[in-house]
C-alpha atoms as a PDB file:
ATOM      1  CA  MET A   1       0.031   0.031  -0.130  1.00  0.00           C
ATOM      2  CA  ARG A   2       1.375   3.167  -1.060  1.00  0.00           C
ATOM      3  CA  ALA A   3       1.352   6.102   1.054  1.00  0.00           C
ATOM      4  CA  ARG A   4       0.346   9.509   0.084  1.00  0.00           C
ATOM      5  CA  SER A   5       2.382  12.531   0.380  1.00  0.00           C
ATOM      6  CA  HIS A   6       0.677  15.707   1.057  1.00  0.00           C
ATOM      7  CA  SER A   7       2.316  19.059   0.356  1.00  0.00           C
ATOM      8  CA  ARG A   8       1.094  22.778   0.961  1.00  0.00           C
ATOM      9  CA  ARG A   9       1.877  25.714  -1.010  1.00  0.00           C
ATOM     10  CA  TYR A  10       3.453  28.244   1.199  1.00  0.00           C
ATOM     11  CA  THR A  11       1.997  31.790   0.950  1.00  0.00           C
ATOM     12  CA  PRO A  12       2.982  35.290   2.147  1.00  0.00           C
ATOM     13  CA  HIS A  13      -0.589  35.411   3.906  1.00  0.00           C
ATOM     14  CA  GLN A  14      -0.319  32.273   5.633  1.00  0.00           C
ATOM     15  CA  GLY A  15       1.966  32.964   8.916  1.00  0.00           C
ATOM     16  CA  GLY A  16       5.241  34.446   8.835  1.00  0.00           C
ATOM     17  CA  PRO A  17       5.976  38.429   9.013  1.00  0.00           C
ATOM     18  CA  ARG A  18       3.997  40.956   7.155  1.00  0.00           C
ATOM     19  CA  PHE A  19       5.470  43.949   5.829  1.00  0.00           C
ATOM     20  CA  ASP A  20       3.566  47.103   5.400  1.00  0.00           C
ATOM     21  CA  ARG A  21       5.266  48.855   2.081  1.00  0.00           C
ATOM     22  CA  GLY A  22       3.144  52.066   2.773  1.00  0.00           C
ATOM     23  CA  ARG A  23       4.058  52.754   6.332  1.00  0.00           C
ATOM     24  CA  ARG A  24       8.304  52.016   5.376  1.00  0.00           C
ATOM     25  CA  ASN A  25       7.981  54.451   2.319  1.00  0.00           C
ATOM     26  CA  HIS A  26       6.434  57.312   4.562  1.00  0.00           C
ATOM     27  CA  ALA A  27       8.679  57.075   6.967  1.00  0.00           C
ATOM     28  CA  GLY A  28      11.983  57.190   4.473  1.00  0.00           C
ATOM     29  CA  THR A  29      10.803  60.454   3.544  1.00  0.00           C
ATOM     30  CA  GLY A  30      10.578  62.105   6.948  1.00  0.00           C
ATOM     31  CA  PHE A  31      12.631  64.774   8.785  1.00  0.00           C
ATOM     32  CA  THR A  32      15.255  62.979  11.655  1.00  0.00           C
ATOM     33  CA  LEU A  33      15.500  65.049  15.023  1.00  0.00           C
ATOM     34  CA  ILE A  34      18.978  66.072  13.352  1.00  0.00           C
ATOM     35  CA  GLU A  35      17.798  67.322  10.275  1.00  0.00           C
ATOM     36  CA  ALA A  36      15.199  69.439  11.891  1.00  0.00           C
ATOM     37  CA  LEU A  37      17.754  70.968  14.512  1.00  0.00           C
ATOM     38  CA  VAL A  38      20.293  71.650  11.355  1.00  0.00           C
ATOM     39  CA  ALA A  39      17.017  73.303   9.534  1.00  0.00           C
ATOM     40  CA  LEU A  40      16.135  75.564  12.495  1.00  0.00           C
ATOM     41  CA  ALA A  41      19.911  76.833  12.842  1.00  0.00           C
ATOM     42  CA  LEU A  42      20.104  77.686   9.363  1.00  0.00           C
ATOM     43  CA  PHE A  43      16.931  79.350   9.323  1.00  0.00           C
ATOM     44  CA  ALA A  44      18.044  81.515  12.468  1.00  0.00           C
ATOM     45  CA  LEU A  45      21.278  82.100  11.047  1.00  0.00           C
ATOM     46  CA  THR A  46      20.133  83.535   7.845  1.00  0.00           C
ATOM     47  CA  SER A  47      17.223  85.703   9.508  1.00  0.00           C
ATOM     48  CA  ALA A  48      20.026  87.271  11.595  1.00  0.00           C
ATOM     49  CA  ILE A  49      22.119  87.876   8.665  1.00  0.00           C
ATOM     50  CA  GLY A  50      18.785  89.423   6.806  1.00  0.00           C
ATOM     51  CA  TYR A  51      18.149  91.404  10.046  1.00  0.00           C
ATOM     52  CA  ARG A  52      21.699  92.961  10.422  1.00  0.00           C
ATOM     53  CA  GLY A  53      21.688  93.615   6.462  1.00  0.00           C
ATOM     54  CA  LEU A  54      18.077  95.470   6.772  1.00  0.00           C
ATOM     55  CA  THR A  55      19.330  97.606   9.838  1.00  0.00           C
ATOM     56  CA  ALA A  56      22.432  98.709   7.991  1.00  0.00           C
ATOM     57  CA  LEU A  57      20.330  99.610   4.988  1.00  0.00           C
ATOM     58  CA  LEU A  58      18.033 101.747   7.334  1.00  0.00           C
ATOM     59  CA  ASP A  59      20.763 103.323   9.102  1.00  0.00           C
ATOM     60  CA  GLY A  60      22.490 104.081   5.806  1.00  0.00           C
ATOM     61  CA  ARG A  61      19.487 105.566   4.560  1.00  0.00           C
ATOM     62  CA  GLN A  62      18.872 107.562   7.673  1.00  0.00           C
ATOM     63  CA  HIS A  63      22.521 108.981   7.466  1.00  0.00           C
ATOM     64  CA  LEU A  64      22.097 109.777   4.072  1.00  0.00           C
ATOM     65  CA  GLN A  65      19.101 111.989   5.144  1.00  0.00           C
ATOM     66  CA  THR A  66      20.610 113.419   7.505  1.00  0.00           C
ATOM     67  CA  GLU A  67      23.414 114.708   5.791  1.00  0.00           C
ATOM     68  CA  GLN A  68      21.377 115.927   3.339  1.00  0.00           C
ATOM     69  CA  GLN A  69      19.271 118.205   5.540  1.00  0.00           C
ATOM     70  CA  HIS A  70      22.667 119.357   6.810  1.00  0.00           C
ATOM     71  CA  TRP A  71      23.870 120.569   3.753  1.00  0.00           C
ATOM     72  CA  ARG A  72      20.604 122.319   2.491  1.00  0.00           C
ATOM     73  CA  GLU A  73      20.490 124.087   5.966  1.00  0.00           C
ATOM     74  CA  LEU A  74      23.954 124.933   5.042  1.00  0.00           C
ATOM     75  CA  GLU A  75      23.208 126.287   1.709  1.00  0.00           C
ATOM     76  CA  HIS A  76      20.418 128.450   3.348  1.00  0.00           C
ATOM     77  CA  CYS A  77      22.714 129.591   5.855  1.00  0.00           C
ATOM     78  CA  PHE A  78      25.416 131.016   3.035  1.00  0.00           C
ATOM     79  CA  SER A  79      22.510 132.564   1.083  1.00  0.00           C
ATOM     80  CA  LEU A  80      21.418 134.602   3.879  1.00  0.00           C
ATOM     81  CA  LEU A  81      24.826 135.471   4.704  1.00  0.00           C
ATOM     82  CA  HIS A  82      25.219 136.443   0.893  1.00  0.00           C
ATOM     83  CA  GLY A  83      22.179 138.598   0.890  1.00  0.00           C
ATOM     84  CA  ASP A  84      23.284 140.021   4.112  1.00  0.00           C
ATOM     85  CA  LEU A  85      26.286 141.000   2.982  1.00  0.00           C
ATOM     86  CA  ASP A  86      26.050 141.905  -0.535  1.00  0.00           C
ATOM     87  CA  SER A  87      23.495 144.600   0.949  1.00  0.00           C
ATOM     88  CA  ALA A  88      25.855 146.141   3.539  1.00  0.00           C
ATOM     89  CA  ILE A  89      26.480 149.799   3.515  1.00  0.00           C
ATOM     90  CA  ASN A  90      29.005 151.889   5.671  1.00  0.00           C
ATOM     91  CA  ARG A  91      26.700 153.533   7.881  1.00  0.00           C
ATOM     92  CA  PRO A  92      27.407 154.117  11.639  1.00  0.00           C
ATOM     93  CA  ALA A  93      24.930 152.678  14.271  1.00  0.00           C
ATOM     94  CA  ARG A  94      24.110 153.061  17.619  1.00  0.00           C
ATOM     95  CA  ASP A  95      23.696 150.115  20.439  1.00  0.00           C
ATOM     96  CA  ASN A  96      20.950 150.047  23.454  1.00  0.00           C
ATOM     97  CA  PHE A  97      22.753 151.869  25.519  1.00  0.00           C
ATOM     98  CA  GLY A  98      23.354 155.010  22.571  1.00  0.00           C
ATOM     99  CA  VAL A  99      27.287 154.059  22.428  1.00  0.00           C
ATOM    100  CA  ALA A 100      28.561 154.603  18.369  1.00  0.00           C
ATOM    101  CA  GLU A 101      29.033 151.597  16.416  1.00  0.00           C
ATOM    102  CA  GLU A 102      31.085 150.988  12.748  1.00  0.00           C
ATOM    103  CA  GLY A 103      29.055 150.592   9.587  1.00  0.00           C
ATOM    104  CA  PHE A 104      30.813 147.022   9.693  1.00  0.00           C
ATOM    105  CA  ARG A 105      32.040 145.533  12.961  1.00  0.00           C
ATOM    106  CA  GLY A 106      34.075 142.169  12.886  1.00  0.00           C
ATOM    107  CA  ASP A 107      35.262 141.312  16.619  1.00  0.00           C
ATOM    108  CA  LEU A 108      36.097 137.661  17.721  1.00  0.00           C
ATOM    109  CA  ASP A 109      36.030 139.212  21.404  1.00  0.00           C
ATOM    110  CA  ALA A 110      32.145 139.638  20.799  1.00  0.00           C
ATOM    111  CA  GLY A 111      31.774 142.571  22.714  1.00  0.00           C
ATOM    112  CA  GLY A 112      28.492 144.041  22.595  1.00  0.00           C
ATOM    113  CA  ALA A 113      25.595 143.568  20.419  1.00  0.00           C
ATOM    114  CA  LEU A 114      24.632 140.643  22.304  1.00  0.00           C
ATOM    115  CA  ASP A 115      27.318 138.853  21.776  1.00  0.00           C
ATOM    116  CA  ALA A 116      27.695 139.225  17.807  1.00  0.00           C
ATOM    117  CA  LEU A 117      30.796 138.056  16.238  1.00  0.00           C
ATOM    118  CA  VAL A 118      30.423 140.097  13.505  1.00  0.00           C
ATOM    119  CA  SER A 119      27.641 143.151  12.543  1.00  0.00           C
ATOM    120  CA  TRP A 120      26.989 145.682   9.909  1.00  0.00           C
ATOM    121  CA  THR A 121      24.451 147.900   8.634  1.00  0.00           C
ATOM    122  CA  ARG A 122      22.394 146.944   5.442  1.00  0.00           C
ATOM    123  CA  VAL A 123      19.998 148.378   3.112  1.00  0.00           C
ATOM    124  CA  GLY A 124      16.504 147.238   4.259  1.00  0.00           C
ATOM    125  CA  VAL A 125      14.451 144.604   2.090  1.00  0.00           C
ATOM    126  CA  PRO A 126      12.745 146.475  -0.765  1.00  0.00           C
ATOM    127  CA  ALA A 127       9.443 147.704  -0.372  1.00  0.00           C
ATOM    128  CA  THR A 128       6.657 148.047  -2.763  1.00  0.00           C
ATOM    129  CA  GLY A 129       7.539 149.361  -6.223  1.00  0.00           C
ATOM    130  CA  GLY A 130      11.167 148.350  -5.735  1.00  0.00           C
ATOM    131  CA  LEU A 131      12.127 150.861  -3.317  1.00  0.00           C
ATOM    132  CA  ALA A 132      14.569 150.313  -0.815  1.00  0.00           C
ATOM    133  CA  GLY A 133      13.604 150.008   2.793  1.00  0.00           C
ATOM    134  CA  ALA A 134      14.978 151.519   5.749  1.00  0.00           C
ATOM    135  CA  PRO A 135      18.486 150.571   6.955  1.00  0.00           C
ATOM    136  CA  GLN A 136      18.742 147.363   9.497  1.00  0.00           C
ATOM    137  CA  ARG A 137      21.145 146.144  11.803  1.00  0.00           C
ATOM    138  CA  ILE A 138      22.298 142.874  10.757  1.00  0.00           C
ATOM    139  CA  GLY A 139      24.329 140.205  13.822  1.00  0.00           C
ATOM    140  CA  TRP A 140      25.578 136.754  13.620  1.00  0.00           C
ATOM    141  CA  ARG A 141      26.519 134.597  16.593  1.00  0.00           C
ATOM    142  CA  VAL A 142      27.171 131.314  18.061  1.00  0.00           C
ATOM    143  CA  ARG A 143      24.942 130.548  21.247  1.00  0.00           C
ATOM    144  CA  ASP A 144      24.862 126.977  22.518  1.00  0.00           C
ATOM    145  CA  HIS A 145      26.485 125.633  19.327  1.00  0.00           C
ATOM    146  CA  HIS A 146      23.472 127.230  16.941  1.00  0.00           C
ATOM    147  CA  LEU A 147      24.438 129.578  14.518  1.00  0.00           C
ATOM    148  CA  GLN A 148      22.334 132.401  14.640  1.00  0.00           C
ATOM    149  CA  ARG A 149      21.424 135.532  12.489  1.00  0.00           C
ATOM    150  CA  LEU A 150      20.209 138.788  14.308  1.00  0.00           C
ATOM    151  CA  ARG A 151      18.225 141.688  12.747  1.00  0.00           C
ATOM    152  CA  TRP A 152      17.131 144.957  13.990  1.00  0.00           C
ATOM    153  CA  ASP A 153      14.910 146.952  12.461  1.00  0.00           C
ATOM    154  CA  SER A 154      16.788 150.263  12.707  1.00  0.00           C
ATOM    155  CA  PRO A 155      20.805 150.491  13.201  1.00  0.00           C
ATOM    156  CA  ASP A 156      19.681 153.207  16.092  1.00  0.00           C
ATOM    157  CA  ARG A 157      18.234 150.820  18.836  1.00  0.00           C
ATOM    158  CA  GLY A 158      16.610 151.882  21.515  1.00  0.00           C
ATOM    159  CA  PRO A 159      17.095 150.811  24.882  1.00  0.00           C
ATOM    160  CA  ARG A 160      14.442 148.319  24.804  1.00  0.00           C
ATOM    161  CA  SER A 161      15.059 146.836  21.339  1.00  0.00           C
ATOM    162  CA  GLU A 162      15.700 143.293  21.039  1.00  0.00           C
ATOM    163  CA  PRO A 163      16.909 141.579  18.261  1.00  0.00           C
ATOM    164  CA  GLU A 164      14.625 138.984  15.976  1.00  0.00           C
ATOM    165  CA  VAL A 165      16.740 135.859  16.129  1.00  0.00           C
ATOM    166  CA  LEU A 166      16.653 133.403  13.707  1.00  0.00           C
ATOM    167  CA  ASP A 167      18.311 129.659  14.298  1.00  0.00           C
ATOM    168  CA  VAL A 168      20.001 128.946  10.934  1.00  0.00           C
ATOM    169  CA  LEU A 169      22.591 125.713  11.916  1.00  0.00           C
ATOM    170  CA  ASP A 170      23.170 123.618  14.769  1.00  0.00           C
ATOM    171  CA  GLY A 171      26.046 121.651  15.691  1.00  0.00           C
ATOM    172  CA  VAL A 172      28.622 124.535  15.451  1.00  0.00           C
ATOM    173  CA  GLU A 173      31.655 124.426  17.474  1.00  0.00           C
ATOM    174  CA  THR A 174      33.651 127.240  16.523  1.00  0.00           C
ATOM    175  CA  VAL A 175      33.409 130.196  13.760  1.00  0.00           C
ATOM    176  CA  THR A 176      36.133 132.014  12.303  1.00  0.00           C
ATOM    177  CA  LEU A 177      35.991 135.227  10.693  1.00  0.00           C
ATOM    178  CA  ARG A 178      38.844 137.072   8.196  1.00  0.00           C
ATOM    179  CA  TYR A 179      38.524 140.432   6.554  1.00  0.00           C
ATOM    180  CA  LEU A 180      40.364 141.573   3.694  1.00  0.00           C
ATOM    181  CA  GLY A 181      40.888 145.433   3.141  1.00  0.00           C
ATOM    182  CA  PRO A 182      40.058 147.369  -0.110  1.00  0.00           C
ATOM    183  CA  ILE A 183      41.884 147.824  -2.864  1.00  0.00           C
ATOM    184  CA  GLY A 184      44.923 150.333  -2.038  1.00  0.00           C
ATOM    185  CA  ALA A 185      44.550 150.043   1.621  1.00  0.00           C
ATOM    186  CA  ASN A 186      46.090 146.567   3.739  1.00  0.00           C
ATOM    187  CA  GLN A 187      45.813 143.667   1.691  1.00  0.00           C
ATOM    188  CA  ASP A 188      46.280 141.396   4.431  1.00  0.00           C
ATOM    189  CA  TRP A 189      43.698 139.321   5.927  1.00  0.00           C
ATOM    190  CA  ASP A 190      42.725 140.218   9.852  1.00  0.00           C
ATOM    191  CA  THR A 191      40.362 138.368  12.286  1.00  0.00           C
ATOM    192  CA  ARG A 192      39.105 141.787  13.309  1.00  0.00           C
ATOM    193  CA  TRP A 193      37.392 144.648  11.690  1.00  0.00           C
ATOM    194  CA  ARG A 194      37.564 148.004  14.138  1.00  0.00           C
ATOM    195  CA  LEU A 195      38.298 151.156  14.255  1.00  0.00           C
ATOM    196  CA  PRO A 196      40.798 152.935  13.576  1.00  0.00           C
ATOM    197  CA  ALA A 197      42.789 150.085  11.786  1.00  0.00           C
ATOM    198  CA  HIS A 198      40.022 149.503   9.276  1.00  0.00           C
ATOM    199  CA  PRO A 199      37.406 152.109   8.433  1.00  0.00           C
ATOM    200  CA  GLY A 200      34.585 151.315   5.725  1.00  0.00           C
ATOM    201  CA  LEU A 201      33.739 148.024   4.798  1.00  0.00           C
ATOM    202  CA  PRO A 202      35.907 145.043   4.395  1.00  0.00           C
ATOM    203  CA  ARG A 203      36.501 144.462   0.212  1.00  0.00           C
ATOM    204  CA  ALA A 204      36.368 140.544   1.493  1.00  0.00           C
ATOM    205  CA  VAL A 205      34.837 138.078   4.224  1.00  0.00           C
ATOM    206  CA  GLU A 206      36.010 134.657   4.946  1.00  0.00           C
ATOM    207  CA  ILE A 207      33.899 132.279   7.330  1.00  0.00           C
ATOM    208  CA  THR A 208      35.063 129.315   8.352  1.00  0.00           C
ATOM    209  CA  LEU A 209      32.605 126.505   9.997  1.00  0.00           C
ATOM    210  CA  GLU A 210      33.392 123.666  12.336  1.00  0.00           C
ATOM    211  CA  PHE A 211      31.175 121.343  13.445  1.00  0.00           C
ATOM    212  CA  SER A 212      30.409 118.602  16.248  1.00  0.00           C
ATOM    213  CA  HIS A 213      30.172 116.274  13.331  1.00  0.00           C
ATOM    214  CA  GLY A 214      31.350 116.040   9.947  1.00  0.00           C
ATOM    215  CA  PRO A 215      34.053 118.136   8.148  1.00  0.00           C
ATOM    216  CA  GLY A 216      34.306 122.006   8.595  1.00  0.00           C
ATOM    217  CA  VAL A 217      33.424 124.271   5.627  1.00  0.00           C
ATOM    218  CA  MET A 218      34.937 127.572   4.382  1.00  0.00           C
ATOM    219  CA  ARG A 219      33.335 130.007   2.089  1.00  0.00           C
ATOM    220  CA  LEU A 220      34.467 133.441   0.920  1.00  0.00           C
ATOM    221  CA  PHE A 221      32.171 136.467   0.245  1.00  0.00           C
ATOM    222  CA  ASP A 222      32.424 139.755  -1.690  1.00  0.00           C
ATOM    223  CA  LEU A 223      31.202 142.856  -0.898  1.00  0.00           C
ATOM    224  CA  PRO A 224      30.744 145.345  -3.707  1.00  0.00           C
ATOM    225  CA  ALA A 225      30.609 148.470  -1.707  1.00  0.00           C
ATOM    226  CA  GLY A 226      34.027 147.361  -0.392  1.00  0.00           C
ATOM    227  CA  THR A 227      35.938 147.254  -3.649  1.00  0.00           C
END
């Protein structure tokens, strides 16, 4: 009697381990903890670099705007000086105490005229019809690092006369003034313009401004009446 043999075909679903292909693929595409930390570090680094670059850009823009404003104010200052000096006349004046002053007076000792470094009489602003206005007295001084323009309505001031004060420039450390004598007289530059050595008007005025920030500036002005 022949024995029968039985064979069973093995299939993956009949016992043995199972493999979840979907779960294995999903795990392979994710980030590990180290990768996540590296990504965060790179993000923080690029953010810091970008912030510093943006800050530098904004600071540079602010500095440029400040410089532009400074040069606009400086040009306005020189425009006022040019107008005042171009209208200078040799007309004596009197201060608040009745003391006589030269038509043009430059004195670094800043005595009188409310500590003005330089003062002079100028033709008044033209009125309606183009006629010249009444003479005025002009002075320039430095007060608390501000360059100020002083204007009196008349060269002869009364006891209570007060000037109109205009702040023209700030951040001014020092002001240096030099004066050139008219043709045929003393041709040297002098830091004082006072009687009796210097009667009348100078031929030119040189002003040098030194600032607490930025470079100094020098400008030369001609006085037509001094030639």
